[in-house]
């Protein structure tokens, strides 16, 4: 019985590259000279930390970072979980962006429910941080891929691990 998995893995190499590119642009921009504007990536904890003098400056840093990330991996900014802007040592500001990796249980349940409600002749099951879909025909699996890609637009989902 043919099957495949829906997954969502962050491309950490692409994200690291985008953070490096954004960091170089921040260093070279005239309006950031003499400020505390910088960007850091913690690969182990999957966190991006933005540092700036104000909320406005953090927004400017995001306007540099997000296009760089999108260039490396489409829809990669959708996997960022924006934390609250914190005030650090006087008038400085800091914001942490968590990188979500894998399909969370809530989203996996939503995908399984969508597939069951669609009346497609496939079975979906949650396998850790992935959703496995099985069906009798390849055409049913391809319909399922198209349906889920159209239905879930707020988080980047990939499909793969096809087995016949």
C-alpha atoms as a PDB file:
ATOM      1  CA  UNK A   1       0.000   0.000   0.000  1.00  0.00           C
ATOM      2  CA  UNK A   2       1.595   3.328  -1.091  1.00  0.00           C
ATOM      3  CA  UNK A   3       2.311   5.890   1.613  1.00  0.00           C
ATOM      4  CA  UNK A   4       4.121   9.174   2.242  1.00  0.00           C
ATOM      5  CA  UNK A   5       4.772  11.568   5.146  1.00  0.00           C
ATOM      6  CA  UNK A   6       3.909  15.210   5.717  1.00  0.00           C
ATOM      7  CA  UNK A   7       6.809  16.810   7.605  1.00  0.00           C
ATOM      8  CA  UNK A   8       8.159  20.246   8.394  1.00  0.00           C
ATOM      9  CA  UNK A   9      11.882  20.555   9.018  1.00  0.00           C
ATOM     10  CA  UNK A  10      13.710  23.843   9.281  1.00  0.00           C
ATOM     11  CA  UNK A  11      16.674  24.294   6.945  1.00  0.00           C
ATOM     12  CA  UNK A  12      19.141  25.384   9.644  1.00  0.00           C
ATOM     13  CA  UNK A  13      21.957  25.870   7.129  1.00  0.00           C
ATOM     14  CA  UNK A  14      19.772  28.248   5.103  1.00  0.00           C
ATOM     15  CA  UNK A  15      18.632  30.074   8.243  1.00  0.00           C
ATOM     16  CA  UNK A  16      22.232  30.448   9.453  1.00  0.00           C
ATOM     17  CA  UNK A  17      23.230  31.791   6.055  1.00  0.00           C
ATOM     18  CA  UNK A  18      20.308  34.271   6.080  1.00  0.00           C
ATOM     19  CA  UNK A  19      21.228  35.469   9.599  1.00  0.00           C
ATOM     20  CA  UNK A  20      24.843  35.971   8.479  1.00  0.00           C
ATOM     21  CA  UNK A  21      23.721  37.952   5.412  1.00  0.00           C
ATOM     22  CA  UNK A  22      21.371  40.092   7.532  1.00  0.00           C
ATOM     23  CA  UNK A  23      24.134  40.653  10.107  1.00  0.00           C
ATOM     24  CA  UNK A  24      26.500  41.928   7.412  1.00  0.00           C
ATOM     25  CA  UNK A  25      23.792  44.255   6.042  1.00  0.00           C
ATOM     26  CA  UNK A  26      23.131  45.614   9.545  1.00  0.00           C
ATOM     27  CA  UNK A  27      26.856  46.259  10.041  1.00  0.00           C
ATOM     28  CA  UNK A  28      27.042  48.147   6.744  1.00  0.00           C
ATOM     29  CA  UNK A  29      23.899  50.288   7.057  1.00  0.00           C
ATOM     30  CA  UNK A  30      24.502  53.934   7.880  1.00  0.00           C
ATOM     31  CA  UNK A  31      21.398  54.328  10.085  1.00  0.00           C
ATOM     32  CA  UNK A  32      22.600  51.448  12.330  1.00  0.00           C
ATOM     33  CA  UNK A  33      26.083  52.938  12.919  1.00  0.00           C
ATOM     34  CA  UNK A  34      26.728  53.505  16.628  1.00  0.00           C
ATOM     35  CA  UNK A  35      23.646  51.577  17.763  1.00  0.00           C
ATOM     36  CA  UNK A  36      23.271  48.230  19.497  1.00  0.00           C
ATOM     37  CA  UNK A  37      21.565  46.677  16.445  1.00  0.00           C
ATOM     38  CA  UNK A  38      22.648  43.081  15.925  1.00  0.00           C
ATOM     39  CA  UNK A  39      21.264  39.624  15.275  1.00  0.00           C
ATOM     40  CA  UNK A  40      22.290  36.279  16.793  1.00  0.00           C
ATOM     41  CA  UNK A  41      21.427  32.668  16.014  1.00  0.00           C
ATOM     42  CA  UNK A  42      21.482  29.920  18.635  1.00  0.00           C
ATOM     43  CA  UNK A  43      21.418  26.755  16.503  1.00  0.00           C
ATOM     44  CA  UNK A  44      21.246  24.356  19.460  1.00  0.00           C
ATOM     45  CA  UNK A  45      18.097  25.918  20.971  1.00  0.00           C
ATOM     46  CA  UNK A  46      16.800  27.088  17.560  1.00  0.00           C
ATOM     47  CA  UNK A  47      16.473  30.736  18.571  1.00  0.00           C
ATOM     48  CA  UNK A  48      17.123  33.966  16.676  1.00  0.00           C
ATOM     49  CA  UNK A  49      17.713  36.962  18.949  1.00  0.00           C
ATOM     50  CA  UNK A  50      17.289  40.507  17.641  1.00  0.00           C
ATOM     51  CA  UNK A  51      18.943  43.371  19.555  1.00  0.00           C
ATOM     52  CA  UNK A  52      18.219  47.048  18.972  1.00  0.00           C
ATOM     53  CA  UNK A  53      17.740  50.482  20.524  1.00  0.00           C
ATOM     54  CA  UNK A  54      13.944  50.494  20.062  1.00  0.00           C
ATOM     55  CA  UNK A  55      10.943  48.535  18.789  1.00  0.00           C
ATOM     56  CA  UNK A  56      11.215  50.458  15.532  1.00  0.00           C
ATOM     57  CA  UNK A  57      14.799  49.335  15.066  1.00  0.00           C
ATOM     58  CA  UNK A  58      13.795  45.705  15.722  1.00  0.00           C
ATOM     59  CA  UNK A  59      11.182  46.045  12.964  1.00  0.00           C
ATOM     60  CA  UNK A  60      13.865  47.376  10.612  1.00  0.00           C
ATOM     61  CA  UNK A  61      16.081  44.385  11.425  1.00  0.00           C
ATOM     62  CA  UNK A  62      13.162  42.041  10.632  1.00  0.00           C
ATOM     63  CA  UNK A  63      12.705  43.807   7.283  1.00  0.00           C
ATOM     64  CA  UNK A  64      16.310  42.873   6.487  1.00  0.00           C
ATOM     65  CA  UNK A  65      16.173  39.326   7.903  1.00  0.00           C
ATOM     66  CA  UNK A  66      12.854  38.052   6.535  1.00  0.00           C
ATOM     67  CA  UNK A  67      13.585  38.572   2.791  1.00  0.00           C
ATOM     68  CA  UNK A  68      16.982  36.919   3.295  1.00  0.00           C
ATOM     69  CA  UNK A  69      15.278  33.923   4.921  1.00  0.00           C
ATOM     70  CA  UNK A  70      12.614  33.690   2.203  1.00  0.00           C
ATOM     71  CA  UNK A  71      15.347  33.704  -0.443  1.00  0.00           C
ATOM     72  CA  UNK A  72      16.986  30.642   1.186  1.00  0.00           C
ATOM     73  CA  UNK A  73      13.800  28.672   1.948  1.00  0.00           C
ATOM     74  CA  UNK A  74      10.293  29.615   0.805  1.00  0.00           C
ATOM     75  CA  UNK A  75       7.788  30.204   3.624  1.00  0.00           C
ATOM     76  CA  UNK A  76      10.539  29.941   6.260  1.00  0.00           C
ATOM     77  CA  UNK A  77       9.313  33.064   8.085  1.00  0.00           C
ATOM     78  CA  UNK A  78       6.006  31.297   8.818  1.00  0.00           C
ATOM     79  CA  UNK A  79       7.816  28.879  11.123  1.00  0.00           C
ATOM     80  CA  UNK A  80       9.024  31.696  13.413  1.00  0.00           C
ATOM     81  CA  UNK A  81       7.267  32.136  16.762  1.00  0.00           C
ATOM     82  CA  UNK A  82       7.629  35.805  17.738  1.00  0.00           C
ATOM     83  CA  UNK A  83       8.157  36.272  21.470  1.00  0.00           C
ATOM     84  CA  UNK A  84       7.343  39.469  23.343  1.00  0.00           C
ATOM     85  CA  UNK A  85       9.697  42.442  22.913  1.00  0.00           C
ATOM     86  CA  UNK A  86      11.734  42.832  26.107  1.00  0.00           C
ATOM     87  CA  UNK A  87      13.305  45.988  27.478  1.00  0.00           C
ATOM     88  CA  UNK A  88      16.967  45.389  28.314  1.00  0.00           C
ATOM     89  CA  UNK A  89      19.296  47.645  30.366  1.00  0.00           C
ATOM     90  CA  UNK A  90      17.686  51.037  30.024  1.00  0.00           C
ATOM     91  CA  UNK A  91      16.409  51.958  26.604  1.00  0.00           C
ATOM     92  CA  UNK A  92      17.590  48.902  24.633  1.00  0.00           C
ATOM     93  CA  UNK A  93      15.175  46.331  23.188  1.00  0.00           C
ATOM     94  CA  UNK A  94      15.463  42.611  22.529  1.00  0.00           C
ATOM     95  CA  UNK A  95      13.189  40.114  20.797  1.00  0.00           C
ATOM     96  CA  UNK A  96      13.538  36.347  20.528  1.00  0.00           C
ATOM     97  CA  UNK A  97      12.196  34.436  17.520  1.00  0.00           C
ATOM     98  CA  UNK A  98      11.762  30.693  18.113  1.00  0.00           C
ATOM     99  CA  UNK A  99      12.214  28.428  15.102  1.00  0.00           C
ATOM    100  CA  UNK A 100       9.482  25.784  15.048  1.00  0.00           C
ATOM    101  CA  UNK A 101      10.693  22.451  13.738  1.00  0.00           C
ATOM    102  CA  UNK A 102       8.437  19.497  12.998  1.00  0.00           C
ATOM    103  CA  UNK A 103       4.664  19.370  12.940  1.00  0.00           C
ATOM    104  CA  UNK A 104       3.198  20.113  16.360  1.00  0.00           C
ATOM    105  CA  UNK A 105       0.487  17.811  17.737  1.00  0.00           C
ATOM    106  CA  UNK A 106      -2.259  20.403  17.307  1.00  0.00           C
ATOM    107  CA  UNK A 107      -1.443  20.942  13.619  1.00  0.00           C
ATOM    108  CA  UNK A 108      -1.056  17.178  13.053  1.00  0.00           C
ATOM    109  CA  UNK A 109      -4.551  16.598  14.478  1.00  0.00           C
ATOM    110  CA  UNK A 110      -5.897  19.346  12.202  1.00  0.00           C
ATOM    111  CA  UNK A 111      -4.291  17.692   9.144  1.00  0.00           C
ATOM    112  CA  UNK A 112      -5.709  14.256  10.066  1.00  0.00           C
ATOM    113  CA  UNK A 113      -9.176  15.775  10.589  1.00  0.00           C
ATOM    114  CA  UNK A 114      -9.021  17.622   7.255  1.00  0.00           C
ATOM    115  CA  UNK A 115      -8.082  14.403   5.458  1.00  0.00           C
ATOM    116  CA  UNK A 116     -10.878  12.425   7.131  1.00  0.00           C
ATOM    117  CA  UNK A 117     -13.461  15.137   6.411  1.00  0.00           C
ATOM    118  CA  UNK A 118     -12.382  15.348   2.756  1.00  0.00           C
ATOM    119  CA  UNK A 119     -13.747  11.832   2.048  1.00  0.00           C
ATOM    120  CA  UNK A 120     -10.573  10.898   0.177  1.00  0.00           C
ATOM    121  CA  UNK A 121      -9.836   7.155   0.187  1.00  0.00           C
ATOM    122  CA  UNK A 122      -6.732   7.435   2.361  1.00  0.00           C
ATOM    123  CA  UNK A 123      -5.840   6.876   6.006  1.00  0.00           C
ATOM    124  CA  UNK A 124      -3.811   9.407   7.986  1.00  0.00           C
ATOM    125  CA  UNK A 125      -1.969   8.765  11.240  1.00  0.00           C
ATOM    126  CA  UNK A 126       0.326  10.824  13.442  1.00  0.00           C
ATOM    127  CA  UNK A 127       3.893   9.455  13.617  1.00  0.00           C
ATOM    128  CA  UNK A 128       5.809  11.614  16.111  1.00  0.00           C
ATOM    129  CA  UNK A 129       6.313  14.998  14.451  1.00  0.00           C
ATOM    130  CA  UNK A 130       5.083  13.797  11.048  1.00  0.00           C
ATOM    131  CA  UNK A 131       1.766  12.670   9.556  1.00  0.00           C
ATOM    132  CA  UNK A 132       1.791   9.438   7.541  1.00  0.00           C
ATOM    133  CA  UNK A 133      -0.797   9.058   4.788  1.00  0.00           C
ATOM    134  CA  UNK A 134      -1.601   5.660   3.237  1.00  0.00           C
ATOM    135  CA  UNK A 135      -3.875   4.875   0.322  1.00  0.00           C
ATOM    136  CA  UNK A 136      -4.589   2.191  -2.226  1.00  0.00           C
ATOM    137  CA  UNK A 137      -3.779   4.363  -5.268  1.00  0.00           C
ATOM    138  CA  UNK A 138      -1.112   6.930  -6.041  1.00  0.00           C
ATOM    139  CA  UNK A 139      -3.775   9.246  -7.467  1.00  0.00           C
ATOM    140  CA  UNK A 140      -5.515   9.406  -4.077  1.00  0.00           C
ATOM    141  CA  UNK A 141      -2.213  10.315  -2.434  1.00  0.00           C
ATOM    142  CA  UNK A 142      -1.573  13.051  -4.994  1.00  0.00           C
ATOM    143  CA  UNK A 143      -5.072  14.459  -4.403  1.00  0.00           C
ATOM    144  CA  UNK A 144      -4.330  14.473  -0.677  1.00  0.00           C
ATOM    145  CA  UNK A 145      -1.073  16.390  -1.216  1.00  0.00           C
ATOM    146  CA  UNK A 146      -2.844  19.012  -3.343  1.00  0.00           C
ATOM    147  CA  UNK A 147      -5.700  19.287  -0.815  1.00  0.00           C
ATOM    148  CA  UNK A 148      -3.411  19.775   2.204  1.00  0.00           C
ATOM    149  CA  UNK A 149      -1.149  22.262   0.371  1.00  0.00           C
ATOM    150  CA  UNK A 150      -4.258  24.294  -0.454  1.00  0.00           C
ATOM    151  CA  UNK A 151      -5.776  23.987   3.046  1.00  0.00           C
ATOM    152  CA  UNK A 152      -2.736  24.625   5.284  1.00  0.00           C
ATOM    153  CA  UNK A 153      -1.201  27.964   4.321  1.00  0.00           C
ATOM    154  CA  UNK A 154      -0.056  29.305   7.690  1.00  0.00           C
ATOM    155  CA  UNK A 155       2.822  26.817   8.237  1.00  0.00           C
ATOM    156  CA  UNK A 156       5.342  25.345   5.761  1.00  0.00           C
ATOM    157  CA  UNK A 157       4.577  21.657   5.202  1.00  0.00           C
ATOM    158  CA  UNK A 158       6.627  19.343   2.996  1.00  0.00           C
ATOM    159  CA  UNK A 159       5.834  15.861   1.776  1.00  0.00           C
ATOM    160  CA  UNK A 160       8.239  13.060   1.130  1.00  0.00           C
ATOM    161  CA  UNK A 161       9.357   9.564   2.138  1.00  0.00           C
ATOM    162  CA  UNK A 162       7.131   8.061  -0.544  1.00  0.00           C
ATOM    163  CA  UNK A 163       6.913   4.283  -0.432  1.00  0.00           C
ATOM    164  CA  UNK A 164       5.137   2.107  -2.941  1.00  0.00           C
END
